[in-house]
Amino acid sequence: MADALDTVARAPFERHQLAALLRPAWDLRGNVCLVDALYIALSDALSAPIVTIDRGLAGSASAVELVEL
């Protein structure tokens, strides 16, 4: 587990401003919770897919791909 945490700590994370995501996330409020809506808004802003095992999230946006374990 310590090796995995060290790997995550070295990952090149990039921060994004919340303010730019709030309005698009708010527009999704009828379909998903706020946290999921923020991920979807960020995904749209970056033109990047979301990969998840959450069936609810996968069914809520076109750029979300369900991974079955």
C-alpha atoms as a PDB file:
ATOM      1  CA  MET A   1       0.000   0.000   0.000  1.00  0.00           C
ATOM      2  CA  ALA A   2       2.874   2.390   0.774  1.00  0.00           C
ATOM      3  CA  ASP A   3       4.217   1.929  -2.780  1.00  0.00           C
ATOM      4  CA  ALA A   4       0.820   2.768  -4.239  1.00  0.00           C
ATOM      5  CA  LEU A   5       0.571   5.928  -2.123  1.00  0.00           C
ATOM      6  CA  ASP A   6       4.065   6.973  -3.201  1.00  0.00           C
ATOM      7  CA  THR A   7       3.069   6.485  -6.837  1.00  0.00           C
ATOM      8  CA  VAL A   8      -0.033   8.641  -6.394  1.00  0.00           C
ATOM      9  CA  ALA A   9       1.997  11.306  -4.580  1.00  0.00           C
ATOM     10  CA  ARG A  10       4.326  11.576  -7.599  1.00  0.00           C
ATOM     11  CA  ALA A  11       1.519  11.765 -10.155  1.00  0.00           C
ATOM     12  CA  PRO A  12       1.381  14.979 -12.196  1.00  0.00           C
ATOM     13  CA  PHE A  13      -1.963  16.302 -10.927  1.00  0.00           C
ATOM     14  CA  GLU A  14      -3.361  19.470 -12.432  1.00  0.00           C
ATOM     15  CA  ARG A  15      -5.787  21.711 -10.542  1.00  0.00           C
ATOM     16  CA  HIS A  16      -8.766  23.381 -12.207  1.00  0.00           C
ATOM     17  CA  GLN A  17     -10.764  26.372 -11.022  1.00  0.00           C
ATOM     18  CA  LEU A  18     -14.141  25.468  -9.559  1.00  0.00           C
ATOM     19  CA  ALA A  19     -15.786  28.720 -10.654  1.00  0.00           C
ATOM     20  CA  ALA A  20     -15.593  27.801 -14.348  1.00  0.00           C
ATOM     21  CA  LEU A  21     -17.335  24.478 -13.665  1.00  0.00           C
ATOM     22  CA  LEU A  22     -20.200  25.689 -11.473  1.00  0.00           C
ATOM     23  CA  ARG A  23     -22.640  26.857 -14.154  1.00  0.00           C
ATOM     24  CA  PRO A  24     -22.324  23.750 -16.358  1.00  0.00           C
ATOM     25  CA  ALA A  25     -22.551  21.567 -13.234  1.00  0.00           C
ATOM     26  CA  TRP A  26     -25.654  23.461 -12.101  1.00  0.00           C
ATOM     27  CA  ASP A  27     -27.286  22.725 -15.445  1.00  0.00           C
ATOM     28  CA  LEU A  28     -26.930  18.993 -14.672  1.00  0.00           C
ATOM     29  CA  ARG A  29     -28.554  19.266 -11.218  1.00  0.00           C
ATOM     30  CA  GLY A  30     -31.674  17.346 -12.243  1.00  0.00           C
ATOM     31  CA  ASN A  31     -29.686  14.322 -13.389  1.00  0.00           C
ATOM     32  CA  VAL A  32     -26.717  13.829 -11.035  1.00  0.00           C
ATOM     33  CA  CYS A  33     -25.352  14.936  -7.680  1.00  0.00           C
ATOM     34  CA  LEU A  34     -23.084  17.994  -7.530  1.00  0.00           C
ATOM     35  CA  VAL A  35     -19.815  16.051  -7.303  1.00  0.00           C
ATOM     36  CA  ASP A  36     -20.682  13.969 -10.379  1.00  0.00           C
ATOM     37  CA  ALA A  37     -21.869  17.095 -12.199  1.00  0.00           C
ATOM     38  CA  LEU A  38     -18.522  18.788 -11.508  1.00  0.00           C
ATOM     39  CA  TYR A  39     -16.646  15.783 -12.903  1.00  0.00           C
ATOM     40  CA  ILE A  40     -18.842  15.829 -16.004  1.00  0.00           C
ATOM     41  CA  ALA A  41     -18.353  19.589 -16.457  1.00  0.00           C
ATOM     42  CA  LEU A  42     -14.579  19.192 -16.145  1.00  0.00           C
ATOM     43  CA  SER A  43     -14.648  16.282 -18.563  1.00  0.00           C
ATOM     44  CA  ASP A  44     -16.526  18.427 -21.083  1.00  0.00           C
ATOM     45  CA  ALA A  45     -14.147  21.376 -20.605  1.00  0.00           C
ATOM     46  CA  LEU A  46     -11.129  19.158 -21.205  1.00  0.00           C
ATOM     47  CA  SER A  47     -12.770  17.082 -23.965  1.00  0.00           C
ATOM     48  CA  ALA A  48     -11.734  14.058 -21.930  1.00  0.00           C
ATOM     49  CA  PRO A  49     -13.752  10.945 -21.109  1.00  0.00           C
ATOM     50  CA  ILE A  50     -14.632   9.824 -17.609  1.00  0.00           C
ATOM     51  CA  VAL A  51     -13.934   6.162 -16.895  1.00  0.00           C
ATOM     52  CA  THR A  52     -15.960   4.795 -13.986  1.00  0.00           C
ATOM     53  CA  ILE A  53     -17.497   1.723 -12.401  1.00  0.00           C
ATOM     54  CA  ASP A  54     -20.507   3.820 -11.283  1.00  0.00           C
ATOM     55  CA  ARG A  55     -23.476   2.774 -13.457  1.00  0.00           C
ATOM     56  CA  GLY A  56     -25.470   5.864 -12.489  1.00  0.00           C
ATOM     57  CA  LEU A  57     -22.710   8.206 -13.560  1.00  0.00           C
ATOM     58  CA  ALA A  58     -22.070   6.199 -16.730  1.00  0.00           C
ATOM     59  CA  GLY A  59     -25.685   6.627 -17.791  1.00  0.00           C
ATOM     60  CA  SER A  60     -25.742  10.357 -17.155  1.00  0.00           C
ATOM     61  CA  ALA A  61     -23.422  11.732 -19.834  1.00  0.00           C
ATOM     62  CA  SER A  62     -22.151  10.693 -23.238  1.00  0.00           C
ATOM     63  CA  ALA A  63     -18.463  11.146 -22.351  1.00  0.00           C
ATOM     64  CA  VAL A  64     -18.662   8.650 -19.480  1.00  0.00           C
ATOM     65  CA  GLU A  65     -17.470   5.104 -20.081  1.00  0.00           C
ATOM     66  CA  LEU A  66     -18.500   2.256 -17.774  1.00  0.00           C
ATOM     67  CA  VAL A  67     -15.822  -0.240 -16.830  1.00  0.00           C
ATOM     68  CA  GLU A  68     -17.004  -3.545 -15.438  1.00  0.00           C
ATOM     69  CA  LEU A  69     -14.760  -5.337 -12.986  1.00  0.00           C
END
